[in-house]
Amino acid sequence: MRTPVALFLLALGVRGVLVWLYPDPAYPDSYYYVDVARAIAAGHGLNVDFIWIFAEVGNRIPAPAVLPVPSNAHWLPLASFLQAPFISLLGPTALAAALPGVLIGALAAPLTWAIARDAGARPLVASAAGVISAVPGAVAAFMVQPENFAILHPLVAATLWMTARGLRGSGRSFALAGLLAGLATLARNDGVVLAGAGGLVWLADRLRWWRARRGNRAWTHMDDRHPIPVFAALLALVLFLLVMGPWWARQLAVFGSISPTSSNGTALWLVHISEWNSITVEHSPERFFAQGLPAILESRLAGLAGALGNFAVMICSVVLVPFLVIGALARRHSVAFQPWFVYTFVAFAGATILYPLHVPGGAFIHTAIGLAPHAAILSVEGILLLVAWIAGRRRHWETGLAGSIFVWAIVGLVIASAAIFTPSVHSGWDATRQPRLALAAELDRLGVRTDDRLLAIDAGGYKYWTGRPGVVMPDDSIETIEAVARAYSTRWLIVERSDTVRAMVPVLEGDRPSWIGPPVFTVPAADDGLPTLAFYPVCTSPEDARCG
């Protein structure tokens, strides 16, 4: 037990240092989960006083346009549910939001060790792969963000592990995989894909058994195995529905759909990613297919290329890629890794076909993070296979010693990639955080009321930093943005130079319509160009003289 405990403590320490270096949420996903958790802890339930994207309210200006609105029409709630008790106990602090992810995410390291040992890997492989999960290279900075990375990292891996144990005769393990897939789905929509991959594994196992009984070559080389029992599959489905059923019932009652942003086509029928934040574009299959087959194929191939790039950099830290290929080829017939191969294929197919336009924004990294523990095991095995092949041509090499040296050298490179990538990631996040901190202080100094509504590209982020409610600026014409401002009676406008909609660029340059007043606060840019951030009054009634 010493090795898994040591791996957990290592992972816990690494994540503790990462939280100390950057404790706050850093982008819209994580802001949203924290804002929802704070609302739950404050007794407001699943309701928020901001709109992060109009897809959550039907991709239009509602009539009437009101705040607060029900939360989680798009993102799933598990991360917020886990944070809420910590926020209730410790207060609405960054540490309270980060703690559950730190504790859960640290489980990935000993879990990787256990998966490797159960798959028959050598102790060196299990230990080295566990260290890689403890210090997961280029993606390390994201592992303590208060959202889904830390949850999905061990949860998806555990689901695939239990599915593999089901293939090896443990019906209970396969049933448990259904429960774990339900929890993964409660964390992120990708969990449905994970559950579907488990179903494919069960179906393929049935076909293997059926073919083996008829003397045909089966899909694996272990034709004498009994198939996963039908009862185990049914129990897995029941446990999955036991987790997801109550949530889907809530979604149906509140939104009329178990997946509102998918059922209305907003997330599926995008022609360009900017349409995700538009309320004037009509998303439909007809419009999607009207762009033509070449454009559709180009976007799908771009999604696949982006997913491969994300996987190579964020999951494999580049250095593991060749070794992962070697290890995967060697284990291609291994029952212990067949669910991983199936889910990997399904995950990449989803990024290619279903949501390729979201891949550059990081959507696939959330999916791929659950593949990392098994990938680490395969990579370390690939290193040892390569060393053994080279040693067979070098008489003076001692294979065991050379293997250990090479394995820990590559692990060292993965750890080094974490040390290299993390400061640059934190620097980018801090470049967004500092102007928002300055604005939050200025709002208090100016005496801006806490119920004044803000119009901003990241309404959830400004809710986190300022405590004020708000509405997202749609990526539409200035007239449409004005209609949003009037419908929601917003009092202030925030424009960020590095992240804004096209219609706001002239405003930042000084060409303002009459309903936007002169800036009352700006954060100058280091290059003396347009301000990094500008804060304007918004006048939606004739009595408001601030815009004169």
Protein backbone atom coordinates (compact mmCIF):
# COMPACT_ATOMS: atom_id res chain seq x y z
CA MET A 1 0.00 0.00 0.00
CA ARG A 2 2.95 2.35 0.36
CA THR A 3 3.26 3.06 -3.36
CA PRO A 4 -0.38 4.15 -3.98
CA VAL A 5 -0.39 6.23 -0.80
CA ALA A 6 2.87 7.89 -1.83
CA LEU A 7 1.42 8.59 -5.29
CA PHE A 8 -1.70 10.14 -3.78
CA LEU A 9 0.38 12.36 -1.51
CA LEU A 10 2.57 13.39 -4.45
CA ALA A 11 -0.47 14.25 -6.55
CA LEU A 12 -2.05 16.11 -3.63
CA GLY A 13 1.14 18.11 -3.09
CA VAL A 14 1.47 19.00 -6.77
CA ARG A 15 -2.12 20.16 -6.92
CA GLY A 16 -1.71 22.12 -3.72
CA VAL A 17 1.23 24.00 -5.23
CA LEU A 18 -0.78 24.69 -8.39
CA VAL A 19 -3.65 26.16 -6.35
CA TRP A 20 -1.18 28.28 -4.42
CA LEU A 21 0.28 29.59 -7.69
CA TYR A 22 -3.13 30.37 -9.22
CA PRO A 23 -6.15 29.83 -6.94
CA ASP A 24 -8.88 31.47 -9.05
CA PRO A 25 -11.04 30.22 -11.89
CA ALA A 26 -9.60 31.43 -15.19
CA TYR A 27 -12.13 31.08 -18.02
CA PRO A 28 -15.92 30.94 -18.58
CA ASP A 29 -16.41 27.24 -17.77
CA SER A 30 -14.79 27.43 -14.35
CA TYR A 31 -16.33 30.83 -13.54
CA TYR A 32 -19.74 29.34 -14.25
CA TYR A 33 -19.30 26.30 -12.02
CA VAL A 34 -18.14 28.46 -9.11
CA ASP A 35 -20.95 30.98 -9.60
CA VAL A 36 -23.54 28.18 -9.57
CA ALA A 37 -21.93 26.60 -6.49
CA ARG A 38 -22.03 29.95 -4.70
CA ALA A 39 -25.69 30.37 -5.63
CA ILE A 40 -26.47 26.93 -4.21
CA ALA A 41 -24.52 27.67 -1.04
CA ALA A 42 -26.35 30.99 -0.65
CA GLY A 43 -29.71 29.24 -0.80
CA HIS A 44 -30.70 30.33 -4.31
CA GLY A 45 -30.70 26.80 -5.71
CA LEU A 46 -29.99 26.23 -9.37
CA ASN A 47 -30.59 29.83 -10.37
CA VAL A 48 -28.10 32.50 -11.43
CA ASP A 49 -28.44 36.25 -11.97
CA PHE A 50 -26.43 36.35 -15.18
CA ILE A 51 -26.62 34.93 -18.70
CA TRP A 52 -23.28 33.56 -19.87
CA ILE A 53 -24.63 32.68 -23.34
CA PHE A 54 -28.05 33.10 -24.91
CA ALA A 55 -28.23 29.41 -25.83
CA GLU A 56 -29.25 28.91 -22.19
CA VAL A 57 -32.42 30.98 -22.70
CA GLY A 58 -33.45 29.71 -26.11
CA ASN A 59 -30.91 31.62 -28.23
CA ARG A 60 -33.09 34.72 -28.26
CA ILE A 61 -34.12 37.63 -26.07
CA PRO A 62 -36.83 36.13 -23.87
CA ALA A 63 -40.13 37.90 -23.33
CA PRO A 64 -40.03 38.96 -20.59
CA ALA A 65 -36.25 39.30 -20.23
CA VAL A 66 -35.66 38.54 -16.56
CA LEU A 67 -32.90 37.67 -14.14
CA PRO A 68 -32.24 35.38 -12.37
CA VAL A 69 -32.64 32.40 -14.73
CA PRO A 70 -32.44 28.64 -14.16
CA SER A 71 -28.86 27.46 -14.43
CA ASN A 72 -27.19 24.55 -16.24
CA ALA A 73 -29.09 24.48 -19.50
CA HIS A 74 -25.75 23.65 -21.13
CA TRP A 75 -23.14 22.68 -18.55
CA LEU A 76 -23.76 19.81 -16.14
CA PRO A 77 -23.86 20.39 -12.36
CA LEU A 78 -21.59 17.87 -10.63
CA ALA A 79 -18.63 20.24 -10.21
CA SER A 80 -20.93 22.85 -8.63
CA PHE A 81 -22.61 20.24 -6.40
CA LEU A 82 -19.21 19.18 -5.08
CA GLN A 83 -18.06 22.75 -4.44
CA ALA A 84 -21.22 23.96 -2.70
CA PRO A 85 -20.62 22.20 0.69
CA PHE A 86 -17.04 23.50 0.84
CA ILE A 87 -18.25 27.04 0.06
CA SER A 88 -20.93 26.72 2.75
CA LEU A 89 -18.30 25.72 5.31
CA LEU A 90 -15.36 27.93 4.26
CA GLY A 91 -17.12 30.86 2.62
CA PRO A 92 -17.12 31.99 -1.04
CA THR A 93 -13.35 31.81 -1.44
CA ALA A 94 -11.21 30.53 -4.28
CA LEU A 95 -9.74 27.85 -2.00
CA ALA A 96 -13.19 26.52 -1.10
CA ALA A 97 -14.05 26.11 -4.78
CA ALA A 98 -10.73 24.45 -5.60
CA LEU A 99 -10.55 21.96 -2.70
CA PRO A 100 -12.92 19.24 -3.95
CA GLY A 101 -11.16 19.12 -7.30
CA VAL A 102 -7.77 18.85 -5.60
CA LEU A 103 -8.89 15.94 -3.43
CA ILE A 104 -10.68 14.08 -6.21
CA GLY A 105 -8.03 14.76 -8.85
CA ALA A 106 -5.26 13.41 -6.63
CA LEU A 107 -6.95 10.00 -6.77
CA ALA A 108 -5.90 9.68 -10.42
CA ALA A 109 -2.31 8.79 -9.47
CA PRO A 110 -2.99 5.74 -7.26
CA LEU A 111 -5.82 4.77 -9.60
CA THR A 112 -3.39 4.66 -12.53
CA TRP A 113 -1.07 2.46 -10.47
CA ALA A 114 -3.97 0.09 -9.67
CA ILE A 115 -5.09 -0.09 -13.31
CA ALA A 116 -1.57 -0.93 -14.42
CA ARG A 117 -1.11 -3.65 -11.79
CA ASP A 118 -4.51 -5.15 -12.63
CA ALA A 119 -3.52 -5.21 -16.32
CA GLY A 120 -0.40 -7.24 -15.50
CA ALA A 121 2.08 -4.41 -15.98
CA ARG A 122 5.43 -4.45 -14.21
CA PRO A 123 5.83 -2.49 -10.96
CA LEU A 124 8.08 -0.01 -12.77
CA VAL A 125 5.32 0.68 -15.30
CA ALA A 126 2.69 1.13 -12.60
CA SER A 127 4.84 3.48 -10.52
CA ALA A 128 6.05 5.59 -13.44
CA ALA A 129 2.57 5.89 -14.93
CA GLY A 130 1.27 6.88 -11.49
CA VAL A 131 3.85 9.66 -11.30
CA ILE A 132 2.78 10.90 -14.73
CA SER A 133 -0.82 11.07 -13.49
CA ALA A 134 0.35 12.90 -10.38
CA VAL A 135 2.24 15.47 -12.47
CA PRO A 136 0.32 15.35 -15.78
CA GLY A 137 2.69 17.40 -17.90
CA ALA A 138 1.40 20.20 -20.11
CA VAL A 139 -2.18 19.94 -18.86
CA ALA A 140 -1.18 20.26 -15.18
CA ALA A 141 -2.34 23.88 -14.75
CA PHE A 142 -5.88 22.93 -15.76
CA MET A 143 -6.14 20.10 -13.26
CA VAL A 144 -6.94 22.42 -10.35
CA GLN A 145 -9.39 24.66 -12.17
CA PRO A 146 -12.74 24.41 -10.33
CA GLU A 147 -14.52 22.59 -13.13
CA ASN A 148 -14.45 19.08 -14.67
CA PHE A 149 -10.82 18.19 -15.40
CA ALA A 150 -10.07 16.93 -11.91
CA ILE A 151 -13.36 15.00 -11.80
CA LEU A 152 -13.14 13.35 -15.22
CA HIS A 153 -9.43 12.44 -14.94
CA PRO A 154 -9.99 9.59 -12.43
CA LEU A 155 -13.70 9.03 -13.11
CA VAL A 156 -13.41 8.14 -16.81
CA ALA A 157 -10.32 6.01 -16.18
CA ALA A 158 -12.13 4.13 -13.40
CA THR A 159 -15.12 3.55 -15.71
CA LEU A 160 -12.87 2.08 -18.41
CA TRP A 161 -11.10 -0.04 -15.80
CA MET A 162 -14.36 -1.49 -14.48
CA THR A 163 -15.54 -2.14 -18.04
CA ALA A 164 -12.33 -4.06 -18.73
CA ARG A 165 -12.81 -6.09 -15.54
CA GLY A 166 -16.29 -6.87 -16.80
CA LEU A 167 -14.75 -8.32 -19.96
CA ARG A 168 -12.59 -10.51 -17.77
CA GLY A 169 -15.57 -12.00 -15.95
CA SER A 170 -16.58 -9.54 -13.23
CA GLY A 171 -20.24 -8.69 -13.73
CA ARG A 172 -20.20 -6.50 -10.63
CA SER A 173 -17.40 -4.41 -12.07
CA PHE A 174 -19.32 -3.88 -15.31
CA ALA A 175 -22.39 -2.80 -13.35
CA LEU A 176 -20.23 -0.38 -11.36
CA ALA A 177 -18.99 1.04 -14.67
CA GLY A 178 -22.58 2.09 -15.37
CA LEU A 179 -22.72 4.01 -12.11
CA LEU A 180 -19.39 5.69 -12.79
CA ALA A 181 -20.47 6.59 -16.34
CA GLY A 182 -23.57 8.19 -14.82
CA LEU A 183 -21.41 10.33 -12.55
CA ALA A 184 -19.23 11.28 -15.53
CA THR A 185 -22.36 12.30 -17.43
CA LEU A 186 -23.51 14.38 -14.47
CA ALA A 187 -20.17 16.15 -14.74
CA ARG A 188 -20.15 16.68 -18.51
CA ASN A 189 -22.16 15.64 -21.56
CA ASP A 190 -19.22 13.52 -22.72
CA GLY A 191 -20.29 10.97 -20.15
CA VAL A 192 -23.05 9.85 -22.51
CA VAL A 193 -20.34 9.02 -25.05
CA LEU A 194 -18.47 7.10 -22.34
CA ALA A 195 -21.62 5.14 -21.51
CA GLY A 196 -22.15 4.49 -25.22
CA ALA A 197 -18.61 3.16 -25.51
CA GLY A 198 -19.37 0.76 -22.65
CA GLY A 199 -22.45 -0.39 -24.53
CA LEU A 200 -20.36 -0.98 -27.65
CA VAL A 201 -17.90 -3.06 -25.61
CA TRP A 202 -20.76 -5.20 -24.28
CA LEU A 203 -22.23 -5.66 -27.76
CA ALA A 204 -18.85 -6.58 -29.29
CA ASP A 205 -18.25 -9.04 -26.46
CA ARG A 206 -21.59 -10.69 -27.21
CA LEU A 207 -20.72 -10.93 -30.91
CA ARG A 208 -17.31 -12.41 -30.04
CA TRP A 209 -18.94 -15.08 -27.93
CA TRP A 210 -21.59 -15.80 -30.58
CA ARG A 211 -18.95 -16.16 -33.28
CA ALA A 212 -16.71 -18.29 -31.05
CA ARG A 213 -19.56 -20.76 -30.52
CA ARG A 214 -19.79 -21.14 -34.29
CA GLY A 215 -16.07 -21.68 -34.75
CA ASN A 216 -15.37 -18.31 -36.37
CA ARG A 217 -12.49 -16.07 -35.53
CA ALA A 218 -13.58 -13.65 -32.81
CA TRP A 219 -12.68 -10.03 -32.20
CA THR A 220 -10.03 -11.00 -29.59
CA HIS A 221 -7.70 -13.92 -29.10
CA MET A 222 -9.46 -15.09 -25.89
CA ASP A 223 -12.37 -16.96 -27.47
CA ASP A 224 -13.06 -19.14 -24.46
CA ARG A 225 -14.13 -16.27 -22.21
CA HIS A 226 -17.74 -16.11 -21.08
CA PRO A 227 -19.48 -12.92 -22.21
CA ILE A 228 -20.50 -10.13 -19.87
CA PRO A 229 -23.83 -11.25 -18.39
CA VAL A 230 -27.00 -9.61 -19.66
CA PHE A 231 -27.99 -8.97 -16.04
CA ALA A 232 -24.75 -7.05 -15.45
CA ALA A 233 -25.47 -4.87 -18.49
CA LEU A 234 -29.03 -4.21 -17.33
CA LEU A 235 -27.80 -3.37 -13.83
CA ALA A 236 -25.23 -0.99 -15.33
CA LEU A 237 -28.02 0.75 -17.24
CA VAL A 238 -30.18 0.95 -14.12
CA LEU A 239 -27.34 2.47 -12.09
CA PHE A 240 -26.61 4.96 -14.90
CA LEU A 241 -30.26 6.03 -14.94
CA LEU A 242 -30.33 6.13 -11.14
CA VAL A 243 -27.69 8.86 -11.31
CA MET A 244 -28.95 10.74 -14.36
CA GLY A 245 -32.71 10.20 -14.04
CA PRO A 246 -33.35 12.88 -11.41
CA TRP A 247 -31.26 15.41 -13.32
CA TRP A 248 -32.96 14.69 -16.63
CA ALA A 249 -36.33 15.01 -14.87
CA ARG A 250 -35.28 18.46 -13.65
CA GLN A 251 -34.15 19.47 -17.13
CA LEU A 252 -37.44 18.33 -18.65
CA ALA A 253 -39.44 20.19 -16.02
CA VAL A 254 -37.44 23.42 -16.34
CA PHE A 255 -36.38 23.51 -20.01
CA GLY A 256 -38.58 20.93 -21.70
CA SER A 257 -35.54 18.91 -22.83
CA ILE A 258 -32.88 16.76 -21.17
CA SER A 259 -30.22 18.62 -23.22
CA PRO A 260 -31.60 22.06 -24.12
CA THR A 261 -28.68 23.45 -26.13
CA SER A 262 -28.43 20.26 -28.18
CA SER A 263 -32.13 19.73 -28.79
CA ASN A 264 -32.60 23.22 -30.22
CA GLY A 265 -29.67 22.72 -32.60
CA THR A 266 -27.58 25.58 -31.24
CA ALA A 267 -24.60 23.41 -30.36
CA LEU A 268 -24.87 20.96 -33.26
CA TRP A 269 -25.62 23.01 -36.38
CA LEU A 270 -22.99 25.72 -36.18
CA VAL A 271 -21.44 26.89 -39.42
CA HIS A 272 -18.91 29.12 -37.63
CA ILE A 273 -17.99 29.15 -33.94
CA SER A 274 -19.00 32.82 -33.59
CA GLU A 275 -22.61 31.71 -34.14
CA TRP A 276 -22.46 30.01 -30.74
CA ASN A 277 -22.81 33.51 -29.28
CA SER A 278 -25.41 34.87 -31.73
CA ILE A 279 -29.15 35.40 -31.28
CA THR A 280 -29.92 36.30 -34.89
CA VAL A 281 -28.60 33.19 -36.65
CA GLU A 282 -31.17 30.45 -37.23
CA HIS A 283 -29.46 27.14 -36.49
CA SER A 284 -30.93 24.37 -38.62
CA PRO A 285 -29.84 21.29 -40.58
CA GLU A 286 -30.92 23.00 -43.80
CA ARG A 287 -28.64 25.96 -43.21
CA PHE A 288 -25.81 23.70 -42.09
CA PHE A 289 -25.89 21.50 -45.19
CA ALA A 290 -26.36 24.54 -47.45
CA GLN A 291 -22.72 25.50 -46.87
CA GLY A 292 -21.73 22.61 -49.11
CA LEU A 293 -19.85 19.35 -48.71
CA PRO A 294 -16.32 20.83 -49.11
CA ALA A 295 -16.88 23.31 -46.27
CA ILE A 296 -18.38 20.62 -44.06
CA LEU A 297 -15.49 18.23 -44.70
CA GLU A 298 -12.96 20.99 -44.09
CA SER A 299 -14.46 21.80 -40.70
CA ARG A 300 -14.61 18.10 -39.74
CA LEU A 301 -10.99 17.52 -40.72
CA ALA A 302 -9.99 20.65 -38.83
CA GLY A 303 -11.75 19.24 -35.77
CA LEU A 304 -9.87 15.95 -36.09
CA ALA A 305 -6.55 17.74 -36.54
CA GLY A 306 -7.26 19.94 -33.53
CA ALA A 307 -8.19 16.92 -31.41
CA LEU A 308 -5.01 15.10 -32.39
CA GLY A 309 -2.97 18.20 -31.59
CA ASN A 310 -4.70 18.66 -28.23
CA PHE A 311 -4.11 15.03 -27.35
CA ALA A 312 -0.46 15.11 -28.37
CA VAL A 313 0.34 18.31 -26.47
CA MET A 314 -1.98 18.35 -23.47
CA ILE A 315 -2.28 14.63 -22.72
CA CYS A 316 1.05 13.28 -24.00
CA SER A 317 3.17 16.40 -23.47
CA VAL A 318 4.50 15.58 -26.97
CA VAL A 319 7.32 13.40 -25.61
CA LEU A 320 5.03 10.43 -24.89
CA VAL A 321 3.46 10.25 -28.37
CA PRO A 322 5.88 7.75 -30.03
CA PHE A 323 5.97 5.55 -26.95
CA LEU A 324 2.16 5.57 -26.70
CA VAL A 325 1.96 4.32 -30.29
CA ILE A 326 4.41 1.49 -29.53
CA GLY A 327 2.61 0.51 -26.34
CA ALA A 328 -0.82 0.68 -27.98
CA LEU A 329 0.30 -1.59 -30.82
CA ALA A 330 1.71 -4.09 -28.35
CA ARG A 331 -1.50 -4.07 -26.28
CA ARG A 332 -3.96 -3.97 -29.17
CA HIS A 333 -5.32 -7.44 -28.30
CA SER A 334 -5.28 -6.94 -24.52
CA VAL A 335 -8.69 -7.22 -22.88
CA ALA A 336 -7.50 -4.82 -20.18
CA PHE A 337 -7.19 -2.04 -22.75
CA GLN A 338 -10.00 -2.81 -25.20
CA PRO A 339 -12.50 -0.39 -23.55
CA TRP A 340 -9.83 2.31 -23.74
CA PHE A 341 -9.37 1.73 -27.47
CA VAL A 342 -13.12 1.82 -28.04
CA TYR A 343 -13.62 5.03 -26.06
CA THR A 344 -10.60 6.65 -27.72
CA PHE A 345 -12.09 5.94 -31.14
CA VAL A 346 -15.53 7.22 -30.10
CA ALA A 347 -14.05 10.35 -28.50
CA PHE A 348 -12.09 11.29 -31.61
CA ALA A 349 -15.11 10.52 -33.80
CA GLY A 350 -17.20 12.89 -31.67
CA ALA A 351 -14.62 15.65 -32.00
CA THR A 352 -14.55 15.10 -35.75
CA ILE A 353 -18.26 14.75 -36.49
CA LEU A 354 -20.33 16.26 -33.68
CA TYR A 355 -18.46 19.25 -32.27
CA PRO A 356 -15.38 20.05 -34.41
CA LEU A 357 -15.89 23.81 -34.13
CA HIS A 358 -15.66 23.62 -30.34
CA VAL A 359 -12.35 21.70 -30.38
CA PRO A 360 -10.09 24.80 -30.68
CA GLY A 361 -11.78 26.24 -27.60
CA GLY A 362 -10.69 23.28 -25.48
CA ALA A 363 -13.77 21.06 -25.65
CA PHE A 364 -11.78 17.97 -26.64
CA ILE A 365 -9.28 18.38 -23.80
CA HIS A 366 -12.12 17.76 -21.35
CA THR A 367 -12.96 14.55 -23.20
CA ALA A 368 -9.37 13.41 -23.56
CA ILE A 369 -8.33 13.95 -19.95
CA GLY A 370 -10.02 10.70 -18.95
CA LEU A 371 -7.86 8.84 -21.48
CA ALA A 372 -4.65 10.04 -19.81
CA PRO A 373 -4.12 7.34 -17.12
CA HIS A 374 -4.30 4.44 -19.57
CA ALA A 375 -2.24 6.44 -22.08
CA ALA A 376 0.45 6.89 -19.42
CA ILE A 377 0.57 3.14 -18.80
CA LEU A 378 0.81 2.35 -22.50
CA SER A 379 3.49 4.99 -22.96
CA VAL A 380 5.71 3.59 -20.22
CA GLU A 381 5.29 0.10 -21.63
CA GLY A 382 6.23 1.51 -25.03
CA ILE A 383 9.44 2.93 -23.56
CA LEU A 384 10.41 -0.46 -22.15
CA LEU A 385 9.61 -2.21 -25.42
CA LEU A 386 11.79 0.22 -27.34
CA VAL A 387 14.63 -0.19 -24.83
CA ALA A 388 14.35 -3.97 -25.04
CA TRP A 389 14.50 -3.81 -28.84
CA ILE A 390 17.61 -1.60 -28.74
CA ALA A 391 19.21 -3.73 -26.00
CA GLY A 392 18.82 -6.79 -28.20
CA ARG A 393 21.28 -5.12 -30.59
CA ARG A 394 23.65 -3.87 -27.89
CA ARG A 395 25.45 -6.70 -26.07
CA HIS A 396 26.78 -4.48 -23.33
CA TRP A 397 23.32 -3.18 -22.36
CA GLU A 398 21.66 -4.52 -19.21
CA THR A 399 17.98 -4.34 -20.17
CA GLY A 400 16.50 -3.86 -16.68
CA LEU A 401 18.81 -1.01 -15.70
CA ALA A 402 18.56 0.65 -19.11
CA GLY A 403 14.77 0.38 -19.00
CA SER A 404 14.59 2.05 -15.60
CA ILE A 405 16.93 4.84 -16.67
CA PHE A 406 15.01 5.57 -19.85
CA VAL A 407 11.60 5.38 -18.15
CA TRP A 408 12.48 7.84 -15.41
CA ALA A 409 14.24 10.10 -17.90
CA ILE A 410 11.03 10.35 -19.96
CA VAL A 411 8.97 10.84 -16.81
CA GLY A 412 11.36 13.66 -15.95
CA LEU A 413 10.67 15.25 -19.34
CA VAL A 414 6.91 15.07 -18.68
CA ILE A 415 7.42 16.75 -15.32
CA ALA A 416 9.63 19.35 -17.00
CA SER A 417 6.85 20.07 -19.50
CA ALA A 418 4.57 20.86 -16.57
CA ALA A 419 7.18 23.27 -15.23
CA ILE A 420 7.50 24.89 -18.66
CA PHE A 421 3.83 25.11 -19.68
CA THR A 422 2.29 26.07 -16.32
CA PRO A 423 3.93 29.52 -15.91
CA SER A 424 2.97 30.53 -19.45
CA VAL A 425 -0.62 29.37 -18.92
CA HIS A 426 -0.81 31.23 -15.61
CA SER A 427 0.64 34.34 -17.25
CA GLY A 428 -2.10 34.33 -19.89
CA TRP A 429 -4.80 33.85 -17.26
CA ASP A 430 -3.37 36.61 -15.09
CA ALA A 431 -3.37 39.02 -18.04
CA THR A 432 -7.16 38.69 -18.01
CA ARG A 433 -7.49 38.61 -14.22
CA GLN A 434 -5.64 41.82 -13.37
CA PRO A 435 -7.85 44.24 -15.37
CA ARG A 436 -10.93 42.59 -13.89
CA LEU A 437 -9.56 42.96 -10.38
CA ALA A 438 -8.88 46.62 -11.09
CA LEU A 439 -12.42 47.10 -12.38
CA ALA A 440 -13.95 45.34 -9.38
CA ALA A 441 -12.12 47.74 -7.04
CA GLU A 442 -13.20 50.71 -9.17
CA LEU A 443 -16.87 49.68 -9.08
CA ASP A 444 -16.75 49.71 -5.29
CA ARG A 445 -14.95 53.07 -5.30
CA LEU A 446 -17.52 54.58 -7.66
CA GLY A 447 -20.36 53.26 -5.54
CA VAL A 448 -21.88 51.18 -8.33
CA ARG A 449 -24.84 49.35 -6.87
CA THR A 450 -24.51 45.61 -6.36
CA ASP A 451 -27.70 45.01 -8.35
CA ASP A 452 -26.61 47.12 -11.36
CA ARG A 453 -26.49 44.85 -14.38
CA LEU A 454 -23.39 44.59 -16.54
CA LEU A 455 -23.21 43.94 -20.27
CA ALA A 456 -19.98 42.00 -20.99
CA ILE A 457 -18.52 39.23 -23.11
CA ASP A 458 -18.01 37.11 -19.97
CA ALA A 459 -20.97 37.78 -17.69
CA GLY A 460 -20.14 34.78 -15.49
CA GLY A 461 -16.56 35.97 -15.03
CA TYR A 462 -17.67 39.45 -14.01
CA LYS A 463 -20.20 37.96 -11.64
CA TYR A 464 -17.30 36.14 -9.98
CA TRP A 465 -15.03 39.19 -9.77
CA THR A 466 -17.52 41.98 -9.05
CA GLY A 467 -20.55 40.23 -7.59
CA ARG A 468 -22.80 42.10 -10.04
CA PRO A 469 -25.40 40.42 -12.28
CA GLY A 470 -25.07 40.68 -16.02
CA VAL A 471 -25.79 39.60 -19.56
CA VAL A 472 -23.47 38.41 -22.32
CA MET A 473 -22.99 40.56 -25.41
CA PRO A 474 -24.17 38.54 -28.42
CA ASP A 475 -21.93 38.41 -31.47
CA ASP A 476 -24.42 40.38 -33.57
CA SER A 477 -24.98 43.92 -34.81
CA ILE A 478 -24.77 46.94 -32.52
CA GLU A 479 -28.56 47.29 -32.87
CA THR A 480 -29.08 43.76 -31.54
CA ILE A 481 -26.73 44.44 -28.65
CA GLU A 482 -28.70 47.60 -27.88
CA ALA A 483 -31.90 45.55 -27.86
CA VAL A 484 -30.30 43.20 -25.31
CA ALA A 485 -29.20 46.16 -23.17
CA ARG A 486 -32.71 47.65 -23.18
CA ALA A 487 -34.49 44.33 -22.60
CA TYR A 488 -32.40 43.59 -19.50
CA SER A 489 -32.07 47.22 -18.32
CA THR A 490 -28.30 46.94 -18.13
CA ARG A 491 -26.55 49.93 -16.58
CA TRP A 492 -22.94 49.38 -17.59
CA LEU A 493 -20.91 48.04 -20.50
CA ILE A 494 -17.50 46.34 -20.26
CA VAL A 495 -15.35 45.94 -23.37
CA GLU A 496 -12.11 43.97 -23.28
CA ARG A 497 -9.64 44.47 -26.09
CA SER A 498 -8.48 40.85 -26.19
CA ASP A 499 -11.95 39.31 -26.08
CA THR A 500 -14.93 41.13 -27.51
CA VAL A 501 -17.55 40.84 -30.23
CA ARG A 502 -16.97 42.48 -33.59
CA ALA A 503 -19.58 45.21 -33.10
CA MET A 504 -17.74 46.50 -30.02
CA VAL A 505 -14.43 47.19 -31.73
CA PRO A 506 -15.56 50.64 -33.01
CA VAL A 507 -16.83 51.46 -29.52
CA LEU A 508 -13.42 50.73 -28.04
CA GLU A 509 -11.93 52.94 -30.77
CA GLY A 510 -14.20 55.84 -29.72
CA ASP A 511 -17.11 55.52 -32.16
CA ARG A 512 -19.99 55.19 -29.69
CA PRO A 513 -23.74 55.13 -30.36
CA SER A 514 -25.88 57.51 -28.29
CA TRP A 515 -26.92 54.87 -25.77
CA ILE A 516 -23.30 54.28 -24.67
CA GLY A 517 -21.64 57.07 -22.68
CA PRO A 518 -17.98 58.03 -22.48
CA PRO A 519 -15.78 55.58 -20.54
CA VAL A 520 -15.63 56.23 -16.81
CA PHE A 521 -12.73 53.83 -16.27
CA THR A 522 -10.09 52.25 -18.48
CA VAL A 523 -7.13 49.95 -18.01
CA PRO A 524 -4.34 51.22 -20.30
CA ALA A 525 -2.56 48.77 -22.57
CA ALA A 526 1.17 48.14 -22.31
CA ASP A 527 1.60 49.00 -25.99
CA ASP A 528 -0.13 52.41 -25.59
CA GLY A 529 -2.80 51.30 -28.05
CA LEU A 530 -6.47 50.73 -27.36
CA PRO A 531 -7.19 50.15 -23.66
CA THR A 532 -7.06 46.64 -22.30
CA LEU A 533 -10.45 47.21 -20.69
CA ALA A 534 -12.98 50.03 -20.84
CA PHE A 535 -16.04 50.61 -18.65
CA TYR A 536 -18.96 52.63 -20.02
CA PRO A 537 -22.36 53.75 -18.77
CA VAL A 538 -25.36 52.40 -20.68
CA CYS A 539 -28.47 54.58 -20.93
CA THR A 540 -31.66 52.72 -21.76
CA SER A 541 -34.13 55.38 -20.62
CA PRO A 542 -34.52 59.11 -21.49
CA GLU A 543 -34.14 60.03 -17.82
CA ASP A 544 -30.61 58.64 -17.69
CA ALA A 545 -28.27 61.56 -18.42
CA ARG A 546 -24.97 59.68 -17.99
CA CYS A 547 -24.53 59.19 -21.75
CA GLY A 548 -25.00 62.84 -22.77
